[in-house]
Amino acid sequence: MPSLPLSKGGVSGSAQGLYEVCVCPSGKLFLSK
């Protein structure tokens, strides 16, 4: 899913480039560090 939106917030110190796929109650998917 190359075009998932990326959350603006994030965890400081994360340098490995790993993301987590999150699901909203409405079914929307987005990425979070």
Full PDB file with SEQRES, HELIX, SHEET, SSBOND, CRYST1, ORIGX, SCALE, CONECT and MASTER records, all heavy atoms in Angstrom:
SEQRES   1 A   33  MET PRO SER LEU PRO LEU SER LYS GLY GLY VAL SER GLY          
SEQRES   2 A   33  SER ALA GLN GLY LEU TYR GLU VAL CYS VAL CYS PRO SER          
SEQRES   3 A   33  GLY LYS LEU PHE LEU SER LYS                                  
SHEET    1 AA1 2 GLU A  20  VAL A  23  0                                        
SHEET    2 AA1 2 LEU A  29  SER A  32 -1                                        
CRYST1    1.000    1.000    1.000  90.00  90.00  90.00 P 1           1          
ORIGX1      1.000000  0.000000  0.000000        0.00000                         
ORIGX2      0.000000  1.000000  0.000000        0.00000                         
ORIGX3      0.000000  0.000000  1.000000        0.00000                         
SCALE1      1.000000  0.000000  0.000000        0.00000                         
SCALE2      0.000000  1.000000  0.000000        0.00000                         
SCALE3      0.000000  0.000000  1.000000        0.00000                         
ATOM      1  N   MET A   1       0.868  -1.175   0.000  1.00  0.00           N  
ATOM      2  CA  MET A   1       0.000   0.000   0.000  1.00  0.00           C  
ATOM      3  C   MET A   1       0.904   1.223   0.000  1.00  0.00           C  
ATOM      4  O   MET A   1       1.167   1.819   1.055  1.00  0.00           O  
ATOM      5  CB  MET A   1      -0.933  -0.013   1.221  1.00  0.00           C  
ATOM      6  CG  MET A   1      -1.830  -1.233   1.282  1.00  0.00           C  
ATOM      7  SD  MET A   1      -2.890  -1.240   2.744  1.00  0.00           S  
ATOM      8  CE  MET A   1      -3.749  -2.786   2.552  1.00  0.00           C  
ATOM      9  N   PRO A   2       1.402   1.618  -1.146  1.00  0.00           N  
ATOM     10  CA  PRO A   2       2.444   2.650  -1.171  1.00  0.00           C  
ATOM     11  C   PRO A   2       1.935   4.053  -0.876  1.00  0.00           C  
ATOM     12  O   PRO A   2       2.740   4.935  -0.548  1.00  0.00           O  
ATOM     13  CB  PRO A   2       2.975   2.554  -2.610  1.00  0.00           C  
ATOM     14  CG  PRO A   2       1.852   2.022  -3.398  1.00  0.00           C  
ATOM     15  CD  PRO A   2       1.102   1.091  -2.487  1.00  0.00           C  
ATOM     16  N   SER A   3       0.666   4.317  -0.951  1.00  0.00           N  
ATOM     17  CA  SER A   3       0.164   5.696  -0.814  1.00  0.00           C  
ATOM     18  C   SER A   3      -0.613   5.908   0.468  1.00  0.00           C  
ATOM     19  O   SER A   3      -1.440   6.833   0.548  1.00  0.00           O  
ATOM     20  CB  SER A   3      -0.722   6.046  -2.020  1.00  0.00           C  
ATOM     21  OG  SER A   3       0.004   5.967  -3.224  1.00  0.00           O  
ATOM     22  N   LEU A   4      -0.382   5.097   1.503  1.00  0.00           N  
ATOM     23  CA  LEU A   4      -1.059   5.330   2.777  1.00  0.00           C  
ATOM     24  C   LEU A   4      -0.554   6.615   3.417  1.00  0.00           C  
ATOM     25  O   LEU A   4       0.642   6.931   3.362  1.00  0.00           O  
ATOM     26  CB  LEU A   4      -0.835   4.152   3.728  1.00  0.00           C  
ATOM     27  CG  LEU A   4      -1.540   2.834   3.380  1.00  0.00           C  
ATOM     28  CD1 LEU A   4      -1.201   1.766   4.421  1.00  0.00           C  
ATOM     29  CD2 LEU A   4      -3.045   3.028   3.309  1.00  0.00           C  
ATOM     30  N   PRO A   5      -1.449   7.395   4.020  1.00  0.00           N  
ATOM     31  CA  PRO A   5      -0.996   8.646   4.662  1.00  0.00           C  
ATOM     32  C   PRO A   5      -0.128   8.357   5.898  1.00  0.00           C  
ATOM     33  O   PRO A   5      -0.352   7.379   6.617  1.00  0.00           O  
ATOM     34  CB  PRO A   5      -2.311   9.341   5.035  1.00  0.00           C  
ATOM     35  CG  PRO A   5      -3.307   8.232   5.136  1.00  0.00           C  
ATOM     36  CD  PRO A   5      -2.906   7.206   4.123  1.00  0.00           C  
ATOM     37  N   LEU A   6       0.842   9.213   6.116  1.00  0.00           N  
ATOM     38  CA  LEU A   6       1.769   9.063   7.240  1.00  0.00           C  
ATOM     39  C   LEU A   6       1.378  10.037   8.338  1.00  0.00           C  
ATOM     40  O   LEU A   6       1.122  11.221   8.083  1.00  0.00           O  
ATOM     41  CB  LEU A   6       3.209   9.332   6.796  1.00  0.00           C  
ATOM     42  CG  LEU A   6       4.301   9.259   7.874  1.00  0.00           C  
ATOM     43  CD1 LEU A   6       4.368   7.852   8.477  1.00  0.00           C  
ATOM     44  CD2 LEU A   6       5.647   9.663   7.296  1.00  0.00           C  
ATOM     45  N   SER A   7       1.286   9.520   9.536  1.00  0.00           N  
ATOM     46  CA  SER A   7       0.940  10.368  10.678  1.00  0.00           C  
ATOM     47  C   SER A   7       2.035  11.395  10.908  1.00  0.00           C  
ATOM     48  O   SER A   7       3.228  11.109  10.747  1.00  0.00           O  
ATOM     49  CB  SER A   7       0.757   9.496  11.928  1.00  0.00           C  
ATOM     50  OG  SER A   7       0.522  10.294  13.059  1.00  0.00           O  
ATOM     51  N   LYS A   8       1.584  12.623  11.291  1.00  0.00           N  
ATOM     52  CA  LYS A   8       2.568  13.706  11.515  1.00  0.00           C  
ATOM     53  C   LYS A   8       3.362  13.485  12.779  1.00  0.00           C  
ATOM     54  O   LYS A   8       4.536  13.840  12.857  1.00  0.00           O  
ATOM     55  CB  LYS A   8       1.838  15.046  11.585  1.00  0.00           C  
ATOM     56  CG  LYS A   8       1.143  15.415  10.285  1.00  0.00           C  
ATOM     57  CD  LYS A   8       0.443  16.757  10.421  1.00  0.00           C  
ATOM     58  CE  LYS A   8      -0.247  17.126   9.109  1.00  0.00           C  
ATOM     59  NZ  LYS A   8      -0.967  18.428   9.206  1.00  0.00           N  
ATOM     60  N   GLY A   9       2.735  12.934  13.781  1.00  0.00           N  
ATOM     61  CA  GLY A   9       3.447  12.673  15.016  1.00  0.00           C  
ATOM     62  C   GLY A   9       4.343  11.462  14.878  1.00  0.00           C  
ATOM     63  O   GLY A   9       4.292  10.715  13.902  1.00  0.00           O  
ATOM     64  N   GLY A  10       5.186  11.241  15.833  1.00  0.00           N  
ATOM     65  CA  GLY A  10       6.063  10.098  15.770  1.00  0.00           C  
ATOM     66  C   GLY A  10       6.802   9.900  17.066  1.00  0.00           C  
ATOM     67  O   GLY A  10       6.728  10.704  17.992  1.00  0.00           O  
ATOM     68  N   VAL A  11       7.577   8.837  17.140  1.00  0.00           N  
ATOM     69  CA  VAL A  11       8.369   8.509  18.319  1.00  0.00           C  
ATOM     70  C   VAL A  11       9.788   9.002  18.106  1.00  0.00           C  
ATOM     71  O   VAL A  11      10.406   8.707  17.074  1.00  0.00           O  
ATOM     72  CB  VAL A  11       8.348   6.997  18.588  1.00  0.00           C  
ATOM     73  CG1 VAL A  11       9.182   6.659  19.826  1.00  0.00           C  
ATOM     74  CG2 VAL A  11       6.914   6.527  18.782  1.00  0.00           C  
ATOM     75  N   SER A  12      10.279   9.793  19.022  1.00  0.00           N  
ATOM     76  CA  SER A  12      11.641  10.315  18.877  1.00  0.00           C  
ATOM     77  C   SER A  12      12.653   9.192  19.025  1.00  0.00           C  
ATOM     78  O   SER A  12      12.460   8.270  19.807  1.00  0.00           O  
ATOM     79  CB  SER A  12      11.892  11.401  19.937  1.00  0.00           C  
ATOM     80  OG  SER A  12      11.729  10.856  21.235  1.00  0.00           O  
ATOM     81  N   GLY A  13      13.676   9.288  18.257  1.00  0.00           N  
ATOM     82  CA  GLY A  13      14.734   8.307  18.336  1.00  0.00           C  
ATOM     83  C   GLY A  13      14.519   7.097  17.474  1.00  0.00           C  
ATOM     84  O   GLY A  13      15.336   6.185  17.494  1.00  0.00           O  
ATOM     85  N   SER A  14      13.433   7.074  16.671  1.00  0.00           N  
ATOM     86  CA  SER A  14      13.196   5.928  15.806  1.00  0.00           C  
ATOM     87  C   SER A  14      13.959   6.134  14.510  1.00  0.00           C  
ATOM     88  O   SER A  14      13.632   7.027  13.722  1.00  0.00           O  
ATOM     89  CB  SER A  14      11.694   5.764  15.523  1.00  0.00           C  
ATOM     90  OG  SER A  14      11.498   4.724  14.622  1.00  0.00           O  
ATOM     91  N   ALA A  15      14.957   5.363  14.261  1.00  0.00           N  
ATOM     92  CA  ALA A  15      15.816   5.552  13.093  1.00  0.00           C  
ATOM     93  C   ALA A  15      15.853   4.327  12.194  1.00  0.00           C  
ATOM     94  O   ALA A  15      16.639   4.276  11.262  1.00  0.00           O  
ATOM     95  CB  ALA A  15      17.238   5.895  13.546  1.00  0.00           C  
ATOM     96  N   GLN A  16      15.093   3.337  12.466  1.00  0.00           N  
ATOM     97  CA  GLN A  16      15.132   2.111  11.663  1.00  0.00           C  
ATOM     98  C   GLN A  16      14.217   2.164  10.438  1.00  0.00           C  
ATOM     99  O   GLN A  16      14.249   1.270   9.622  1.00  0.00           O  
ATOM    100  CB  GLN A  16      14.748   0.913  12.550  1.00  0.00           C  
ATOM    101  CG  GLN A  16      15.732   0.666  13.679  1.00  0.00           C  
ATOM    102  CD  GLN A  16      15.361  -0.533  14.514  1.00  0.00           C  
ATOM    103  OE1 GLN A  16      14.344  -1.169  14.252  1.00  0.00           O  
ATOM    104  NE2 GLN A  16      16.171  -0.851  15.527  1.00  0.00           N  
ATOM    105  N   GLY A  17      13.358   3.202  10.305  1.00  0.00           N  
ATOM    106  CA  GLY A  17      12.452   3.323   9.154  1.00  0.00           C  
ATOM    107  C   GLY A  17      11.326   2.327   9.172  1.00  0.00           C  
ATOM    108  O   GLY A  17      10.858   1.907   8.105  1.00  0.00           O  
ATOM    109  N   LEU A  18      10.896   1.932  10.354  1.00  0.00           N  
ATOM    110  CA  LEU A  18       9.787   0.992  10.470  1.00  0.00           C  
ATOM    111  C   LEU A  18       8.515   1.758  10.785  1.00  0.00           C  
ATOM    112  O   LEU A  18       8.535   2.741  11.538  1.00  0.00           O  
ATOM    113  CB  LEU A  18      10.075  -0.030  11.574  1.00  0.00           C  
ATOM    114  CG  LEU A  18      11.315  -0.905  11.354  1.00  0.00           C  
ATOM    115  CD1 LEU A  18      11.497  -1.853  12.545  1.00  0.00           C  
ATOM    116  CD2 LEU A  18      11.196  -1.689  10.066  1.00  0.00           C  
ATOM    117  N   TYR A  19       7.405   1.278  10.219  1.00  0.00           N  
ATOM    118  CA  TYR A  19       6.117   1.945  10.421  1.00  0.00           C  
ATOM    119  C   TYR A  19       5.088   0.911  10.832  1.00  0.00           C  
ATOM    120  O   TYR A  19       5.223  -0.287  10.602  1.00  0.00           O  
ATOM    121  CB  TYR A  19       5.663   2.670   9.146  1.00  0.00           C  
ATOM    122  CG  TYR A  19       6.598   3.795   8.736  1.00  0.00           C  
ATOM    123  CD1 TYR A  19       7.667   3.547   7.874  1.00  0.00           C  
ATOM    124  CD2 TYR A  19       6.393   5.075   9.216  1.00  0.00           C  
ATOM    125  CE1 TYR A  19       8.518   4.564   7.500  1.00  0.00           C  
ATOM    126  CE2 TYR A  19       7.241   6.103   8.840  1.00  0.00           C  
ATOM    127  CZ  TYR A  19       8.299   5.843   7.982  1.00  0.00           C  
ATOM    128  OH  TYR A  19       9.144   6.857   7.622  1.00  0.00           O  
ATOM    129  N   GLU A  20       4.059   1.410  11.420  1.00  0.00           N  
ATOM    130  CA  GLU A  20       2.963   0.590  11.883  1.00  0.00           C  
ATOM    131  C   GLU A  20       1.692   0.972  11.120  1.00  0.00           C  
ATOM    132  O   GLU A  20       1.414   2.157  10.924  1.00  0.00           O  
ATOM    133  CB  GLU A  20       2.747   0.804  13.380  1.00  0.00           C  
ATOM    134  CG  GLU A  20       1.685  -0.078  13.991  1.00  0.00           C  
ATOM    135  CD  GLU A  20       1.554   0.180  15.492  1.00  0.00           C  
ATOM    136  OE1 GLU A  20       2.327   1.015  16.019  1.00  0.00           O  
ATOM    137  OE2 GLU A  20       0.672  -0.440  16.113  1.00  0.00           O  
ATOM    138  N   VAL A  21       0.948  -0.028  10.676  1.00  0.00           N  
ATOM    139  CA  VAL A  21      -0.304   0.208   9.964  1.00  0.00           C  
ATOM    140  C   VAL A  21      -1.416   0.301  11.001  1.00  0.00           C  
ATOM    141  O   VAL A  21      -1.647  -0.645  11.769  1.00  0.00           O  
ATOM    142  CB  VAL A  21      -0.600  -0.907   8.944  1.00  0.00           C  
ATOM    143  CG1 VAL A  21      -1.934  -0.653   8.244  1.00  0.00           C  
ATOM    144  CG2 VAL A  21       0.516  -0.994   7.928  1.00  0.00           C  
ATOM    145  N   CYS A  22      -2.131   1.418  10.963  1.00  0.00           N  
ATOM    146  CA  CYS A  22      -3.188   1.666  11.928  1.00  0.00           C  
ATOM    147  C   CYS A  22      -4.528   1.765  11.215  1.00  0.00           C  
ATOM    148  O   CYS A  22      -4.600   2.195  10.066  1.00  0.00           O  
ATOM    149  CB  CYS A  22      -2.923   2.960  12.712  1.00  0.00           C  
ATOM    150  SG  CYS A  22      -1.301   2.987  13.549  1.00  0.00           S  
ATOM    151  N   VAL A  23      -5.571   1.399  11.932  1.00  0.00           N  
ATOM    152  CA  VAL A  23      -6.922   1.401  11.388  1.00  0.00           C  
ATOM    153  C   VAL A  23      -7.804   2.256  12.274  1.00  0.00           C  
ATOM    154  O   VAL A  23      -7.841   2.070  13.499  1.00  0.00           O  
ATOM    155  CB  VAL A  23      -7.500  -0.024  11.299  1.00  0.00           C  
ATOM    156  CG1 VAL A  23      -8.902   0.001  10.676  1.00  0.00           C  
ATOM    157  CG2 VAL A  23      -6.578  -0.924  10.512  1.00  0.00           C  
ATOM    158  N   CYS A  24      -8.506   3.205  11.614  1.00  0.00           N  
ATOM    159  CA  CYS A  24      -9.450   4.049  12.328  1.00  0.00           C  
ATOM    160  C   CYS A  24     -10.778   3.315  12.499  1.00  0.00           C  
ATOM    161  O   CYS A  24     -11.052   2.323  11.813  1.00  0.00           O  
ATOM    162  CB  CYS A  24      -9.674   5.347  11.562  1.00  0.00           C  
ATOM    163  SG  CYS A  24      -8.194   6.384  11.409  1.00  0.00           S  
ATOM    164  N   PRO A  25     -11.636   3.779  13.391  1.00  0.00           N  
ATOM    165  CA  PRO A  25     -12.967   3.168  13.515  1.00  0.00           C  
ATOM    166  C   PRO A  25     -13.770   3.244  12.219  1.00  0.00           C  
ATOM    167  O   PRO A  25     -14.619   2.383  11.956  1.00  0.00           O  
ATOM    168  CB  PRO A  25     -13.618   3.987  14.635  1.00  0.00           C  
ATOM    169  CG  PRO A  25     -12.471   4.489  15.447  1.00  0.00           C  
ATOM    170  CD  PRO A  25     -11.364   4.764  14.465  1.00  0.00           C  
ATOM    171  N   SER A  26     -13.504   4.235  11.400  1.00  0.00           N  
ATOM    172  CA  SER A  26     -14.218   4.334  10.118  1.00  0.00           C  
ATOM    173  C   SER A  26     -13.661   3.387   9.059  1.00  0.00           C  
ATOM    174  O   SER A  26     -14.239   3.270   7.986  1.00  0.00           O  
ATOM    175  CB  SER A  26     -14.148   5.771   9.607  1.00  0.00           C  
ATOM    176  OG  SER A  26     -12.792   6.163   9.382  1.00  0.00           O  
ATOM    177  N   GLY A  27     -12.535   2.722   9.358  1.00  0.00           N  
ATOM    178  CA  GLY A  27     -11.907   1.828   8.401  1.00  0.00           C  
ATOM    179  C   GLY A  27     -10.743   2.446   7.659  1.00  0.00           C  
ATOM    180  O   GLY A  27     -10.118   1.772   6.820  1.00  0.00           O  
ATOM    181  N   LYS A  28     -10.437   3.685   7.899  1.00  0.00           N  
ATOM    182  CA  LYS A  28      -9.325   4.347   7.229  1.00  0.00           C  
ATOM    183  C   LYS A  28      -7.995   3.793   7.733  1.00  0.00           C  
ATOM    184  O   LYS A  28      -7.817   3.549   8.932  1.00  0.00           O  
ATOM    185  CB  LYS A  28      -9.397   5.855   7.469  1.00  0.00           C  
ATOM    186  CG  LYS A  28      -8.255   6.631   6.842  1.00  0.00           C  
ATOM    187  CD  LYS A  28      -8.361   8.109   7.160  1.00  0.00           C  
ATOM    188  CE  LYS A  28      -7.198   8.885   6.566  1.00  0.00           C  
ATOM    189  NZ  LYS A  28      -7.273  10.327   6.877  1.00  0.00           N  
ATOM    190  N   LEU A  29      -7.034   3.588   6.845  1.00  0.00           N  
ATOM    191  CA  LEU A  29      -5.699   3.099   7.177  1.00  0.00           C  
ATOM    192  C   LEU A  29      -4.711   4.254   7.094  1.00  0.00           C  
ATOM    193  O   LEU A  29      -4.799   5.105   6.185  1.00  0.00           O  
ATOM    194  CB  LEU A  29      -5.278   1.983   6.221  1.00  0.00           C  
ATOM    195  CG  LEU A  29      -6.157   0.727   6.166  1.00  0.00           C  
ATOM    196  CD1 LEU A  29      -5.588  -0.262   5.137  1.00  0.00           C  
ATOM    197  CD2 LEU A  29      -6.251   0.075   7.523  1.00  0.00           C  
ATOM    198  N   PHE A  30      -3.754   4.249   8.003  1.00  0.00           N  
ATOM    199  CA  PHE A  30      -2.674   5.241   7.963  1.00  0.00           C  
ATOM    200  C   PHE A  30      -1.440   4.622   8.607  1.00  0.00           C  
ATOM    201  O   PHE A  30      -1.507   3.579   9.271  1.00  0.00           O  
ATOM    202  CB  PHE A  30      -3.082   6.545   8.663  1.00  0.00           C  
ATOM    203  CG  PHE A  30      -3.298   6.408  10.141  1.00  0.00           C  
ATOM    204  CD1 PHE A  30      -2.264   6.669  11.049  1.00  0.00           C  
ATOM    205  CD2 PHE A  30      -4.526   5.999  10.660  1.00  0.00           C  
ATOM    206  CE1 PHE A  30      -2.455   6.527  12.410  1.00  0.00           C  
ATOM    207  CE2 PHE A  30      -4.723   5.863  11.999  1.00  0.00           C  
ATOM    208  CZ  PHE A  30      -3.685   6.130  12.888  1.00  0.00           C  
ATOM    209  N   LEU A  31      -0.308   5.275   8.410  1.00  0.00           N  
ATOM    210  CA  LEU A  31       0.975   4.790   8.916  1.00  0.00           C  
ATOM    211  C   LEU A  31       1.402   5.627  10.112  1.00  0.00           C  
ATOM    212  O   LEU A  31       1.191   6.847  10.146  1.00  0.00           O  
ATOM    213  CB  LEU A  31       2.048   4.852   7.823  1.00  0.00           C  
ATOM    214  CG  LEU A  31       1.839   3.960   6.605  1.00  0.00           C  
ATOM    215  CD1 LEU A  31       2.982   4.156   5.610  1.00  0.00           C  
ATOM    216  CD2 LEU A  31       1.741   2.501   7.006  1.00  0.00           C  
ATOM    217  N   SER A  32       2.014   4.972  11.032  1.00  0.00           N  
ATOM    218  CA  SER A  32       2.581   5.631  12.199  1.00  0.00           C  
ATOM    219  C   SER A  32       3.950   5.022  12.459  1.00  0.00           C  
ATOM    220  O   SER A  32       4.145   3.818  12.272  1.00  0.00           O  
ATOM    221  CB  SER A  32       1.666   5.439  13.415  1.00  0.00           C  
ATOM    222  OG  SER A  32       2.251   6.034  14.565  1.00  0.00           O  
ATOM    223  N   LYS A  33       4.882   5.860  12.833  1.00  0.00           N  
ATOM    224  CA  LYS A  33       6.223   5.354  13.110  1.00  0.00           C  
ATOM    225  C   LYS A  33       6.188   4.369  14.262  1.00  0.00           C  
ATOM    226  O   LYS A  33       5.560   4.612  15.286  1.00  0.00           O  
ATOM    227  CB  LYS A  33       7.160   6.510  13.453  1.00  0.00           C  
ATOM    228  CG  LYS A  33       7.465   7.407  12.260  1.00  0.00           C  
ATOM    229  CD  LYS A  33       8.497   8.474  12.625  1.00  0.00           C  
ATOM    230  CE  LYS A  33       8.822   9.320  11.397  1.00  0.00           C  
ATOM    231  NZ  LYS A  33       9.823  10.372  11.727  1.00  0.00           N  
TER     232      LYS A  33                                                      
MASTER        0    0    0    0    2    0    0    6  231    1    0    3          
END                                                                             
